[in-house]
Amino acid sequence: MDLDKLVELYPRVYHMAERGAWNSIRNHGLMSASAVLDHLKIRGNERARFESEHRGRKMDVRAGHPSNIVLRDQKPMPEVRLLRALTDGTTPRQWYELINDKVFFWAEEERLHGLLGARDYRNLEHDVLTLDSAAFIPAYAEAIWLCHMNSGNTWPIPHRRGMDVFRRIPDYPVKRSGNPVKKVVELVVDYAVPNIAEFVVQVRRMRGSEVLRVIV
């Protein structure tokens, strides 16, 4: 896929963070779970429960400590359902480690609202980041993957997926018109976006689809 076409089709991308997370994100960047664990120097066996296993609930990495960071739950991809979805010999552990090493953005606001309105999240408040694709995507082009599905969800159907569900921008399949064969659902960045504040054009405190206030 052509980079300019990607920006044209998806001029904004979106990230849903925990309520109150914006200050930390602004100061430390937007980190994947693996990057958070590195940042907090979590090593060895202690690390596996955050990074290599299913997180059925939110998890405090350092509960009660001033440096604590909360990792989001991964309720929609329990191991039993991943076993039905994964292809090419990919194991649930490999999938969790792959997902946890990435930072995820929705390519369309409609998908963002779908997640905000999901049963487990609709009554919670979130900090929603909106990024300017024209600045962000070229800056991180070599670290970006595109995905045509919600890679972290196995409901209501555990759609088949493997490591190749993520494609680099030039490798994402397109039609003769240059438009993607399948719409981009997720824009995914390796490991972290340290300078994300440079690309953020708006931060909204939201509950479901309701904007409670505009933070930025």
N, C-alpha and C. Protein backbone atom coordinates (compact mmCIF):
# COMPACT_ATOMS: atom_id res chain seq x y z
N MET A 1 0.85 -1.19 0.00
CA MET A 1 0.00 0.00 0.00
C MET A 1 0.88 1.24 0.00
N ASP A 2 0.48 2.21 -0.75
CA ASP A 2 1.24 3.45 -0.82
C ASP A 2 1.02 4.26 0.46
N LEU A 3 2.09 4.82 0.99
CA LEU A 3 2.01 5.55 2.24
C LEU A 3 1.07 6.75 2.13
N ASP A 4 1.18 7.50 1.05
CA ASP A 4 0.31 8.67 0.88
C ASP A 4 -1.16 8.27 0.79
N LYS A 5 -1.43 7.13 0.17
CA LYS A 5 -2.81 6.64 0.08
C LYS A 5 -3.33 6.27 1.47
N LEU A 6 -2.47 5.67 2.26
CA LEU A 6 -2.85 5.30 3.62
C LEU A 6 -3.25 6.53 4.43
N VAL A 7 -2.46 7.59 4.32
CA VAL A 7 -2.76 8.83 5.04
C VAL A 7 -4.05 9.46 4.52
N GLU A 8 -4.24 9.40 3.20
CA GLU A 8 -5.45 9.96 2.60
C GLU A 8 -6.71 9.26 3.10
N LEU A 9 -6.66 7.93 3.17
CA LEU A 9 -7.83 7.16 3.57
C LEU A 9 -8.09 7.21 5.07
N TYR A 10 -7.01 7.35 5.84
CA TYR A 10 -7.13 7.32 7.29
C TYR A 10 -6.39 8.54 7.88
N PRO A 11 -6.97 9.74 7.74
CA PRO A 11 -6.28 10.96 8.16
C PRO A 11 -6.13 11.09 9.67
N ARG A 12 -6.89 10.33 10.42
CA ARG A 12 -6.77 10.30 11.87
C ARG A 12 -6.73 8.84 12.33
N VAL A 13 -5.96 8.56 13.36
CA VAL A 13 -5.98 7.25 13.99
C VAL A 13 -6.20 7.47 15.49
N TYR A 14 -6.69 6.41 16.19
CA TYR A 14 -7.22 6.59 17.53
C TYR A 14 -6.69 5.53 18.49
N HIS A 15 -6.45 5.96 19.72
CA HIS A 15 -6.02 5.02 20.76
C HIS A 15 -6.85 5.25 22.01
N MET A 16 -7.34 4.16 22.58
CA MET A 16 -8.15 4.21 23.80
C MET A 16 -7.30 3.81 24.98
N ALA A 17 -7.10 4.74 25.91
CA ALA A 17 -6.25 4.50 27.08
C ALA A 17 -7.08 4.56 28.36
N GLU A 18 -6.49 4.12 29.45
CA GLU A 18 -7.15 4.18 30.74
C GLU A 18 -7.45 5.62 31.14
N ARG A 19 -8.49 5.81 31.91
CA ARG A 19 -8.81 7.13 32.46
C ARG A 19 -7.61 7.67 33.24
N GLY A 20 -7.22 8.90 32.96
CA GLY A 20 -6.11 9.52 33.67
C GLY A 20 -4.73 9.15 33.15
N ALA A 21 -4.68 8.36 32.06
CA ALA A 21 -3.38 7.89 31.55
C ALA A 21 -2.65 8.95 30.73
N TRP A 22 -3.35 9.98 30.28
CA TRP A 22 -2.75 10.92 29.34
C TRP A 22 -1.48 11.58 29.89
N ASN A 23 -1.47 11.98 31.14
CA ASN A 23 -0.27 12.64 31.69
C ASN A 23 0.94 11.73 31.61
N SER A 24 0.78 10.47 31.95
CA SER A 24 1.89 9.52 31.87
C SER A 24 2.30 9.28 30.42
N ILE A 25 1.31 9.17 29.53
CA ILE A 25 1.61 8.96 28.10
C ILE A 25 2.37 10.16 27.54
N ARG A 26 1.94 11.34 27.89
CA ARG A 26 2.60 12.56 27.42
C ARG A 26 4.05 12.61 27.90
N ASN A 27 4.29 12.18 29.13
CA ASN A 27 5.63 12.27 29.71
C ASN A 27 6.54 11.13 29.30
N HIS A 28 5.99 9.93 29.16
CA HIS A 28 6.82 8.74 28.92
C HIS A 28 6.61 8.12 27.54
N GLY A 29 5.64 8.63 26.78
CA GLY A 29 5.32 8.02 25.50
C GLY A 29 4.27 6.93 25.67
N LEU A 30 3.77 6.45 24.54
CA LEU A 30 2.80 5.36 24.55
C LEU A 30 3.55 4.06 24.40
N MET A 31 3.49 3.22 25.43
CA MET A 31 4.29 2.01 25.48
C MET A 31 3.45 0.76 25.33
N SER A 32 3.98 -0.23 24.65
CA SER A 32 3.37 -1.55 24.63
C SER A 32 3.54 -2.17 26.02
N ALA A 33 2.85 -3.29 26.25
CA ALA A 33 3.01 -3.98 27.53
C ALA A 33 4.47 -4.38 27.75
N SER A 34 5.13 -4.85 26.70
CA SER A 34 6.54 -5.24 26.82
C SER A 34 7.42 -4.04 27.18
N ALA A 35 7.12 -2.90 26.56
CA ALA A 35 7.89 -1.69 26.85
C ALA A 35 7.66 -1.23 28.29
N VAL A 36 6.42 -1.36 28.78
CA VAL A 36 6.12 -1.02 30.18
C VAL A 36 6.94 -1.91 31.12
N LEU A 37 6.99 -3.19 30.83
CA LEU A 37 7.73 -4.12 31.68
C LEU A 37 9.23 -3.81 31.66
N ASP A 38 9.74 -3.43 30.50
CA ASP A 38 11.14 -3.01 30.43
C ASP A 38 11.36 -1.73 31.23
N HIS A 39 10.45 -0.78 31.06
CA HIS A 39 10.54 0.52 31.76
C HIS A 39 10.56 0.33 33.28
N LEU A 40 9.75 -0.60 33.78
CA LEU A 40 9.67 -0.85 35.22
C LEU A 40 10.61 -1.95 35.68
N LYS A 41 11.46 -2.43 34.75
CA LYS A 41 12.49 -3.42 35.07
C LYS A 41 11.90 -4.70 35.68
N ILE A 42 10.85 -5.21 35.03
CA ILE A 42 10.24 -6.47 35.44
C ILE A 42 10.91 -7.58 34.65
N ARG A 43 11.47 -8.54 35.33
CA ARG A 43 12.28 -9.57 34.67
C ARG A 43 11.79 -10.98 35.04
N GLY A 44 12.30 -11.97 34.31
CA GLY A 44 12.16 -13.37 34.65
C GLY A 44 10.75 -13.87 34.78
N ASN A 45 10.53 -14.77 35.76
CA ASN A 45 9.24 -15.42 35.92
C ASN A 45 8.13 -14.42 36.27
N GLU A 46 8.50 -13.35 36.96
CA GLU A 46 7.51 -12.34 37.32
C GLU A 46 6.89 -11.70 36.09
N ARG A 47 7.66 -11.67 35.00
CA ARG A 47 7.24 -10.99 33.78
C ARG A 47 6.22 -11.80 32.98
N ALA A 48 6.33 -13.11 33.04
CA ALA A 48 5.54 -13.98 32.16
C ALA A 48 4.05 -13.79 32.34
N ARG A 49 3.58 -13.57 33.56
CA ARG A 49 2.13 -13.46 33.80
C ARG A 49 1.54 -12.21 33.16
N PHE A 50 2.38 -11.22 32.91
CA PHE A 50 1.93 -10.00 32.24
C PHE A 50 2.03 -10.11 30.71
N GLU A 51 3.04 -10.80 30.23
CA GLU A 51 3.43 -10.73 28.82
C GLU A 51 3.14 -11.99 28.03
N SER A 52 3.18 -13.15 28.68
CA SER A 52 3.12 -14.42 27.97
C SER A 52 1.87 -15.23 28.24
N GLU A 53 1.01 -14.72 29.12
CA GLU A 53 -0.22 -15.42 29.48
C GLU A 53 -1.42 -14.50 29.28
N HIS A 54 -2.60 -15.08 29.31
CA HIS A 54 -3.82 -14.30 29.13
C HIS A 54 -4.06 -13.38 30.32
N ARG A 55 -4.28 -12.09 30.04
CA ARG A 55 -4.66 -11.15 31.10
C ARG A 55 -6.19 -11.04 31.09
N GLY A 56 -6.83 -11.76 31.96
CA GLY A 56 -8.28 -11.76 32.01
C GLY A 56 -8.86 -10.55 32.70
N ARG A 57 -8.01 -9.73 33.28
CA ARG A 57 -8.43 -8.50 33.96
C ARG A 57 -7.29 -7.50 33.85
N LYS A 58 -7.58 -6.25 34.21
CA LYS A 58 -6.52 -5.25 34.29
C LYS A 58 -5.51 -5.70 35.34
N MET A 59 -4.24 -5.38 35.10
CA MET A 59 -3.21 -5.81 36.04
C MET A 59 -2.29 -4.65 36.38
N ASP A 60 -2.09 -4.44 37.68
CA ASP A 60 -1.12 -3.47 38.15
C ASP A 60 0.26 -4.11 38.07
N VAL A 61 1.19 -3.45 37.40
CA VAL A 61 2.54 -4.01 37.29
C VAL A 61 3.28 -3.87 38.61
N ARG A 62 3.10 -2.73 39.26
CA ARG A 62 3.71 -2.51 40.59
C ARG A 62 2.65 -1.92 41.51
N ALA A 63 1.74 -2.76 41.94
CA ALA A 63 0.62 -2.30 42.75
C ALA A 63 1.10 -1.58 44.01
N GLY A 64 0.52 -0.40 44.25
CA GLY A 64 0.85 0.36 45.45
C GLY A 64 2.11 1.19 45.36
N HIS A 65 2.87 1.03 44.28
CA HIS A 65 4.11 1.79 44.10
C HIS A 65 3.83 3.03 43.26
N PRO A 66 4.50 4.16 43.56
CA PRO A 66 4.26 5.38 42.78
C PRO A 66 4.49 5.23 41.28
N SER A 67 5.35 4.28 40.90
CA SER A 67 5.66 4.09 39.47
C SER A 67 4.70 3.13 38.78
N ASN A 68 3.69 2.65 39.50
CA ASN A 68 2.79 1.64 38.95
C ASN A 68 2.16 2.06 37.63
N ILE A 69 2.05 1.11 36.71
CA ILE A 69 1.33 1.30 35.45
C ILE A 69 0.34 0.15 35.31
N VAL A 70 -0.87 0.46 34.89
CA VAL A 70 -1.91 -0.55 34.74
C VAL A 70 -1.91 -1.06 33.30
N LEU A 71 -1.85 -2.37 33.13
CA LEU A 71 -1.97 -2.98 31.81
C LEU A 71 -3.42 -3.37 31.58
N ARG A 72 -3.92 -3.08 30.40
CA ARG A 72 -5.31 -3.38 30.07
C ARG A 72 -5.55 -4.89 30.05
N ASP A 73 -6.81 -5.26 30.28
CA ASP A 73 -7.16 -6.67 30.19
C ASP A 73 -7.17 -7.11 28.73
N GLN A 74 -7.12 -8.42 28.55
CA GLN A 74 -7.23 -9.04 27.22
C GLN A 74 -8.38 -10.05 27.23
N LYS A 75 -9.50 -9.63 27.81
CA LYS A 75 -10.65 -10.52 27.95
C LYS A 75 -11.09 -11.18 26.64
N PRO A 76 -11.04 -10.47 25.50
CA PRO A 76 -11.58 -11.07 24.28
C PRO A 76 -10.69 -12.15 23.63
N MET A 77 -9.53 -12.46 24.24
CA MET A 77 -8.73 -13.52 23.62
C MET A 77 -8.20 -14.52 24.65
N PRO A 78 -9.12 -15.27 25.31
CA PRO A 78 -8.68 -16.34 26.21
C PRO A 78 -8.00 -17.46 25.42
N GLU A 79 -7.15 -18.16 26.10
CA GLU A 79 -6.33 -19.18 25.43
C GLU A 79 -7.19 -20.22 24.71
N VAL A 80 -8.29 -20.66 25.32
CA VAL A 80 -9.11 -21.72 24.72
C VAL A 80 -9.67 -21.29 23.37
N ARG A 81 -9.96 -20.01 23.21
CA ARG A 81 -10.48 -19.53 21.93
C ARG A 81 -9.35 -19.26 20.94
N LEU A 82 -8.21 -18.82 21.45
CA LEU A 82 -7.06 -18.63 20.56
C LEU A 82 -6.64 -19.95 19.92
N LEU A 83 -6.75 -21.03 20.66
CA LEU A 83 -6.38 -22.34 20.11
C LEU A 83 -7.22 -22.69 18.90
N ARG A 84 -8.44 -22.18 18.85
CA ARG A 84 -9.31 -22.42 17.70
C ARG A 84 -9.02 -21.45 16.56
N ALA A 85 -8.37 -20.33 16.86
CA ALA A 85 -8.17 -19.28 15.87
C ALA A 85 -6.79 -19.31 15.22
N LEU A 86 -5.78 -19.70 15.98
CA LEU A 86 -4.40 -19.54 15.49
C LEU A 86 -4.05 -20.57 14.43
N THR A 87 -3.26 -20.11 13.46
CA THR A 87 -2.86 -20.95 12.32
C THR A 87 -1.34 -21.13 12.30
N ASP A 88 -0.89 -22.02 11.41
CA ASP A 88 0.53 -22.21 11.11
C ASP A 88 1.37 -22.56 12.35
N GLY A 89 0.73 -23.22 13.31
CA GLY A 89 1.49 -23.67 14.48
C GLY A 89 1.76 -22.61 15.52
N THR A 90 1.22 -21.41 15.33
CA THR A 90 1.40 -20.34 16.31
C THR A 90 0.72 -20.74 17.62
N THR A 91 1.42 -20.60 18.74
CA THR A 91 0.87 -20.96 20.04
C THR A 91 0.26 -19.73 20.72
N PRO A 92 -0.65 -19.94 21.67
CA PRO A 92 -1.18 -18.79 22.41
C PRO A 92 -0.08 -17.96 23.06
N ARG A 93 0.93 -18.60 23.62
CA ARG A 93 2.03 -17.85 24.24
C ARG A 93 2.71 -16.95 23.21
N GLN A 94 2.99 -17.48 22.03
CA GLN A 94 3.62 -16.67 20.98
C GLN A 94 2.72 -15.50 20.58
N TRP A 95 1.40 -15.75 20.53
CA TRP A 95 0.47 -14.69 20.16
C TRP A 95 0.42 -13.59 21.21
N TYR A 96 0.33 -14.00 22.48
CA TYR A 96 0.32 -12.99 23.55
C TYR A 96 1.60 -12.15 23.52
N GLU A 97 2.72 -12.79 23.32
CA GLU A 97 3.99 -12.06 23.29
C GLU A 97 4.07 -11.13 22.08
N LEU A 98 3.53 -11.56 20.96
CA LEU A 98 3.48 -10.70 19.77
C LEU A 98 2.61 -9.48 20.03
N ILE A 99 1.40 -9.71 20.53
CA ILE A 99 0.46 -8.61 20.79
C ILE A 99 1.02 -7.65 21.84
N ASN A 100 1.63 -8.19 22.87
CA ASN A 100 2.12 -7.36 23.96
C ASN A 100 3.34 -6.53 23.60
N ASP A 101 3.94 -6.81 22.46
CA ASP A 101 5.09 -6.04 22.01
C ASP A 101 4.68 -4.92 21.05
N LYS A 102 3.37 -4.70 20.91
CA LYS A 102 2.88 -3.73 19.94
C LYS A 102 2.00 -2.67 20.62
N VAL A 103 1.92 -1.50 19.96
CA VAL A 103 1.00 -0.43 20.34
C VAL A 103 -0.08 -0.36 19.26
N PHE A 104 -1.34 -0.30 19.67
CA PHE A 104 -2.45 -0.43 18.73
C PHE A 104 -3.25 0.86 18.59
N PHE A 105 -3.61 1.13 17.33
CA PHE A 105 -4.48 2.27 17.00
C PHE A 105 -5.60 1.78 16.10
N TRP A 106 -6.78 2.35 16.28
CA TRP A 106 -7.88 2.11 15.35
C TRP A 106 -7.71 3.03 14.15
N ALA A 107 -7.94 2.48 12.96
CA ALA A 107 -7.81 3.29 11.75
C ALA A 107 -9.06 4.11 11.47
N GLU A 108 -10.17 3.74 12.09
CA GLU A 108 -11.43 4.46 11.88
C GLU A 108 -12.12 4.70 13.22
N GLU A 109 -12.76 5.86 13.37
CA GLU A 109 -13.40 6.19 14.64
C GLU A 109 -14.57 5.25 14.93
N GLU A 110 -15.21 4.73 13.89
CA GLU A 110 -16.32 3.80 14.09
C GLU A 110 -15.88 2.60 14.93
N ARG A 111 -14.69 2.09 14.65
CA ARG A 111 -14.16 0.94 15.41
C ARG A 111 -13.87 1.34 16.85
N LEU A 112 -13.34 2.55 17.04
CA LEU A 112 -13.11 3.05 18.38
C LEU A 112 -14.40 3.04 19.19
N HIS A 113 -15.48 3.55 18.60
CA HIS A 113 -16.75 3.60 19.31
C HIS A 113 -17.30 2.21 19.59
N GLY A 114 -16.98 1.27 18.71
CA GLY A 114 -17.38 -0.11 18.96
C GLY A 114 -16.76 -0.65 20.23
N LEU A 115 -15.47 -0.35 20.44
CA LEU A 115 -14.79 -0.80 21.65
C LEU A 115 -15.27 -0.04 22.87
N LEU A 116 -15.43 1.28 22.73
CA LEU A 116 -15.92 2.09 23.85
C LEU A 116 -17.29 1.62 24.32
N GLY A 117 -18.09 1.11 23.40
CA GLY A 117 -19.43 0.68 23.72
C GLY A 117 -19.55 -0.79 24.08
N ALA A 118 -18.43 -1.51 24.08
CA ALA A 118 -18.47 -2.93 24.42
C ALA A 118 -18.93 -3.12 25.87
N ARG A 119 -19.52 -4.24 26.15
CA ARG A 119 -20.15 -4.50 27.45
C ARG A 119 -19.20 -4.23 28.62
N ASP A 120 -17.96 -4.65 28.50
CA ASP A 120 -17.03 -4.53 29.62
C ASP A 120 -16.48 -3.12 29.79
N TYR A 121 -16.71 -2.22 28.81
CA TYR A 121 -16.08 -0.90 28.85
C TYR A 121 -17.07 0.26 28.83
N ARG A 122 -18.31 0.02 28.46
CA ARG A 122 -19.24 1.12 28.18
C ARG A 122 -19.52 2.01 29.39
N ASN A 123 -19.39 1.48 30.59
CA ASN A 123 -19.66 2.28 31.79
C ASN A 123 -18.38 2.85 32.42
N LEU A 124 -17.26 2.62 31.77
CA LEU A 124 -15.98 3.12 32.27
C LEU A 124 -15.57 4.38 31.51
N GLU A 125 -14.72 5.18 32.13
CA GLU A 125 -14.19 6.36 31.47
C GLU A 125 -12.81 6.06 30.89
N HIS A 126 -12.52 6.66 29.74
CA HIS A 126 -11.25 6.45 29.05
C HIS A 126 -10.69 7.76 28.54
N ASP A 127 -9.38 7.80 28.39
CA ASP A 127 -8.72 8.91 27.70
C ASP A 127 -8.50 8.46 26.26
N VAL A 128 -9.13 9.13 25.33
CA VAL A 128 -9.06 8.75 23.92
C VAL A 128 -8.15 9.72 23.17
N LEU A 129 -7.10 9.19 22.56
CA LEU A 129 -6.13 10.01 21.83
C LEU A 129 -6.46 9.98 20.34
N THR A 130 -6.44 11.15 19.72
CA THR A 130 -6.59 11.26 18.27
C THR A 130 -5.28 11.79 17.70
N LEU A 131 -4.74 11.08 16.71
CA LEU A 131 -3.45 11.45 16.13
C LEU A 131 -3.61 11.91 14.69
N ASP A 132 -2.76 12.84 14.28
CA ASP A 132 -2.70 13.32 12.90
C ASP A 132 -1.85 12.36 12.07
N SER A 133 -2.50 11.63 11.19
CA SER A 133 -1.79 10.61 10.40
C SER A 133 -0.72 11.20 9.49
N ALA A 134 -0.96 12.41 8.97
CA ALA A 134 -0.01 13.02 8.04
C ALA A 134 1.35 13.25 8.68
N ALA A 135 1.37 13.47 9.99
CA ALA A 135 2.63 13.63 10.71
C ALA A 135 3.11 12.30 11.28
N PHE A 136 2.19 11.54 11.84
CA PHE A 136 2.55 10.33 12.57
C PHE A 136 3.01 9.18 11.68
N ILE A 137 2.23 8.88 10.65
CA ILE A 137 2.53 7.70 9.84
C ILE A 137 3.88 7.79 9.13
N PRO A 138 4.24 8.89 8.47
CA PRO A 138 5.58 8.96 7.86
C PRO A 138 6.70 8.84 8.88
N ALA A 139 6.49 9.39 10.07
CA ALA A 139 7.54 9.35 11.09
C ALA A 139 7.80 7.93 11.59
N TYR A 140 6.79 7.09 11.58
CA TYR A 140 6.91 5.72 12.11
C TYR A 140 6.69 4.65 11.04
N ALA A 141 6.78 5.03 9.78
CA ALA A 141 6.43 4.11 8.69
C ALA A 141 7.15 2.77 8.77
N GLU A 142 8.42 2.77 9.13
CA GLU A 142 9.18 1.52 9.14
C GLU A 142 8.84 0.64 10.34
N ALA A 143 8.15 1.20 11.33
CA ALA A 143 7.77 0.43 12.51
C ALA A 143 6.29 0.06 12.51
N ILE A 144 5.57 0.46 11.47
CA ILE A 144 4.12 0.26 11.41
C ILE A 144 3.75 -1.04 10.70
N TRP A 145 2.74 -1.70 11.24
CA TRP A 145 2.08 -2.84 10.61
C TRP A 145 0.61 -2.48 10.41
N LEU A 146 0.00 -3.04 9.39
CA LEU A 146 -1.42 -2.86 9.14
C LEU A 146 -2.13 -4.21 9.29
N CYS A 147 -3.35 -4.16 9.82
CA CYS A 147 -4.11 -5.39 10.04
C CYS A 147 -5.56 -5.17 9.61
N HIS A 148 -6.15 -6.16 8.96
CA HIS A 148 -7.50 -6.03 8.43
C HIS A 148 -8.57 -6.48 9.41
N MET A 149 -8.18 -6.84 10.65
CA MET A 149 -9.14 -7.36 11.62
C MET A 149 -8.77 -6.87 13.01
N ASN A 150 -9.68 -7.09 13.96
CA ASN A 150 -9.38 -6.84 15.36
C ASN A 150 -8.58 -8.04 15.86
N SER A 151 -7.28 -7.89 15.89
CA SER A 151 -6.41 -9.02 16.16
C SER A 151 -6.50 -9.52 17.60
N GLY A 152 -7.02 -8.69 18.50
CA GLY A 152 -7.10 -9.08 19.90
C GLY A 152 -8.47 -9.55 20.34
N ASN A 153 -9.34 -9.87 19.41
CA ASN A 153 -10.69 -10.29 19.74
C ASN A 153 -11.02 -11.63 19.11
N THR A 154 -11.60 -12.54 19.88
CA THR A 154 -12.01 -13.84 19.33
C THR A 154 -13.52 -14.02 19.41
N TRP A 155 -14.26 -12.98 19.74
CA TRP A 155 -15.71 -13.05 19.84
C TRP A 155 -16.36 -12.24 18.72
N PRO A 156 -17.52 -12.65 18.24
CA PRO A 156 -18.27 -13.86 18.59
C PRO A 156 -17.74 -15.11 17.89
N ILE A 157 -16.85 -14.88 16.92
CA ILE A 157 -16.27 -16.00 16.16
C ILE A 157 -14.76 -15.90 16.25
N PRO A 158 -14.06 -17.01 16.55
CA PRO A 158 -12.59 -16.97 16.61
C PRO A 158 -12.00 -17.02 15.19
N HIS A 159 -12.09 -15.88 14.49
CA HIS A 159 -11.59 -15.83 13.11
C HIS A 159 -10.14 -16.26 13.04
N ARG A 160 -9.80 -16.95 11.98
CA ARG A 160 -8.45 -17.48 11.81
C ARG A 160 -7.44 -16.36 11.70
N ARG A 161 -6.30 -16.55 12.34
CA ARG A 161 -5.24 -15.56 12.30
C ARG A 161 -3.90 -16.22 12.63
N GLY A 162 -2.84 -15.59 12.11
CA GLY A 162 -1.49 -16.05 12.40
C GLY A 162 -0.57 -14.84 12.36
N MET A 163 0.73 -15.10 12.44
CA MET A 163 1.70 -14.01 12.46
C MET A 163 1.57 -13.11 11.22
N ASP A 164 1.10 -13.71 10.10
CA ASP A 164 1.06 -12.95 8.85
C ASP A 164 -0.16 -12.05 8.73
N VAL A 165 -0.99 -11.97 9.80
CA VAL A 165 -2.14 -11.06 9.76
C VAL A 165 -1.68 -9.60 9.78
N PHE A 166 -0.45 -9.38 10.25
CA PHE A 166 0.12 -8.04 10.25
C PHE A 166 1.04 -7.89 9.04
N ARG A 167 0.83 -6.81 8.29
CA ARG A 167 1.64 -6.55 7.10
C ARG A 167 2.26 -5.15 7.17
N ARG A 168 3.52 -5.05 6.73
CA ARG A 168 4.13 -3.74 6.62
C ARG A 168 3.38 -2.93 5.55
N ILE A 169 3.46 -1.62 5.64
CA ILE A 169 2.68 -0.76 4.74
C ILE A 169 2.86 -1.14 3.27
N PRO A 170 4.10 -1.28 2.76
CA PRO A 170 4.26 -1.60 1.33
C PRO A 170 3.71 -2.97 0.95
N ASP A 171 3.54 -3.87 1.94
CA ASP A 171 3.11 -5.23 1.67
C ASP A 171 1.61 -5.45 1.84
N TYR A 172 0.89 -4.40 2.26
CA TYR A 172 -0.54 -4.55 2.48
C TYR A 172 -1.24 -4.63 1.13
N PRO A 173 -2.04 -5.66 0.89
CA PRO A 173 -2.64 -5.88 -0.44
C PRO A 173 -3.59 -4.75 -0.86
N VAL A 174 -3.45 -4.32 -2.11
CA VAL A 174 -4.30 -3.27 -2.65
C VAL A 174 -4.88 -3.68 -4.00
N LYS A 175 -5.94 -2.99 -4.39
CA LYS A 175 -6.54 -3.16 -5.71
C LYS A 175 -5.76 -2.33 -6.74
N ARG A 176 -6.15 -2.44 -7.98
CA ARG A 176 -5.48 -1.66 -9.03
C ARG A 176 -5.66 -0.17 -8.81
N SER A 177 -6.73 0.20 -8.10
CA SER A 177 -6.99 1.61 -7.80
C SER A 177 -6.06 2.15 -6.72
N GLY A 178 -5.38 1.25 -6.01
CA GLY A 178 -4.55 1.66 -4.89
C GLY A 178 -5.25 1.55 -3.56
N ASN A 179 -6.56 1.36 -3.59
CA ASN A 179 -7.31 1.17 -2.35
C ASN A 179 -7.06 -0.24 -1.80
N PRO A 180 -7.13 -0.40 -0.50
CA PRO A 180 -6.83 -1.72 0.07
C PRO A 180 -7.87 -2.76 -0.31
N VAL A 181 -7.43 -3.99 -0.48
CA VAL A 181 -8.35 -5.10 -0.76
C VAL A 181 -9.31 -5.26 0.41
N LYS A 182 -8.78 -5.18 1.62
CA LYS A 182 -9.60 -5.19 2.83
C LYS A 182 -9.28 -3.92 3.61
N LYS A 183 -10.30 -3.27 4.11
CA LYS A 183 -10.09 -2.03 4.86
C LYS A 183 -9.13 -2.26 6.02
N VAL A 184 -8.31 -1.27 6.29
CA VAL A 184 -7.42 -1.34 7.44
C VAL A 184 -8.25 -1.13 8.71
N VAL A 185 -8.11 -2.06 9.65
CA VAL A 185 -8.81 -1.96 10.92
C VAL A 185 -7.87 -1.45 12.00
N GLU A 186 -6.68 -2.04 12.06
CA GLU A 186 -5.70 -1.65 13.07
C GLU A 186 -4.42 -1.14 12.42
N LEU A 187 -3.88 -0.09 12.98
CA LEU A 187 -2.54 0.37 12.66
C LEU A 187 -1.71 0.10 13.90
N VAL A 188 -0.65 -0.67 13.73
CA VAL A 188 0.09 -1.22 14.85
C VAL A 188 1.55 -0.79 14.77
N VAL A 189 2.11 -0.38 15.91
CA VAL A 189 3.49 0.10 15.94
C VAL A 189 4.32 -0.80 16.84
N ASP A 190 5.52 -1.14 16.40
CA ASP A 190 6.41 -1.94 17.21
C ASP A 190 6.79 -1.23 18.51
N TYR A 191 6.61 -1.89 19.61
CA TYR A 191 7.18 -1.58 20.93
C TYR A 191 6.65 -0.31 21.60
N ALA A 192 6.85 0.88 20.99
CA ALA A 192 6.48 2.12 21.69
C ALA A 192 6.49 3.30 20.73
N VAL A 193 5.78 4.36 21.15
CA VAL A 193 5.82 5.65 20.44
C VAL A 193 6.26 6.69 21.47
N PRO A 194 7.57 6.86 21.67
CA PRO A 194 8.06 7.72 22.76
C PRO A 194 7.62 9.17 22.66
N ASN A 195 7.53 9.70 21.45
CA ASN A 195 7.20 11.12 21.26
C ASN A 195 5.78 11.32 20.77
N ILE A 196 4.85 10.50 21.27
CA ILE A 196 3.49 10.53 20.75
C ILE A 196 2.83 11.90 20.92
N ALA A 197 3.21 12.65 21.94
CA ALA A 197 2.59 13.96 22.17
C ALA A 197 2.75 14.90 20.98
N GLU A 198 3.79 14.67 20.16
CA GLU A 198 4.01 15.51 18.98
C GLU A 198 2.94 15.32 17.91
N PHE A 199 2.24 14.19 17.95
CA PHE A 199 1.28 13.85 16.90
C PHE A 199 -0.17 13.93 17.36
N VAL A 200 -0.39 14.08 18.66
CA VAL A 200 -1.74 14.11 19.21
C VAL A 200 -2.41 15.45 18.92
N VAL A 201 -3.59 15.40 18.33
CA VAL A 201 -4.34 16.63 18.04
C VAL A 201 -5.51 16.81 19.00
N GLN A 202 -5.88 15.74 19.70
CA GLN A 202 -6.97 15.86 20.67
C GLN A 202 -6.92 14.70 21.65
N VAL A 203 -7.27 14.99 22.90
CA VAL A 203 -7.46 13.96 23.92
C VAL A 203 -8.82 14.21 24.55
N ARG A 204 -9.68 13.19 24.48
CA ARG A 204 -11.03 13.31 25.03
C ARG A 204 -11.22 12.34 26.19
N ARG A 205 -11.83 12.81 27.26
CA ARG A 205 -12.28 11.90 28.32
C ARG A 205 -13.67 11.44 27.92
N MET A 206 -13.81 10.11 27.71
CA MET A 206 -15.06 9.57 27.18
C MET A 206 -15.59 8.44 28.05
N ARG A 207 -16.90 8.32 28.07
CA ARG A 207 -17.59 7.16 28.65
C ARG A 207 -18.56 6.68 27.58
N GLY A 208 -18.31 5.48 27.08
CA GLY A 208 -19.04 5.07 25.89
C GLY A 208 -18.73 6.05 24.77
N SER A 209 -19.75 6.48 24.06
CA SER A 209 -19.56 7.46 22.98
C SER A 209 -19.76 8.89 23.45
N GLU A 210 -19.96 9.06 24.75
CA GLU A 210 -20.18 10.40 25.31
C GLU A 210 -18.85 11.06 25.63
N VAL A 211 -18.66 12.28 25.14
CA VAL A 211 -17.46 13.05 25.47
C VAL A 211 -17.73 13.81 26.76
N LEU A 212 -17.01 13.45 27.82
CA LEU A 212 -17.21 14.11 29.11
C LEU A 212 -16.50 15.44 29.17
N ARG A 213 -15.30 15.48 28.58
CA ARG A 213 -14.57 16.74 28.44
C ARG A 213 -13.41 16.56 27.48
N VAL A 214 -12.96 17.66 26.93
CA VAL A 214 -11.79 17.64 26.05
C VAL A 214 -10.59 18.06 26.87
N ILE A 215 -9.62 17.17 26.98
CA ILE A 215 -8.43 17.42 27.81
C ILE A 215 -7.42 18.24 27.03
N VAL A 216 -7.28 17.91 25.75
CA VAL A 216 -6.35 18.63 24.86
C VAL A 216 -7.11 18.99 23.61
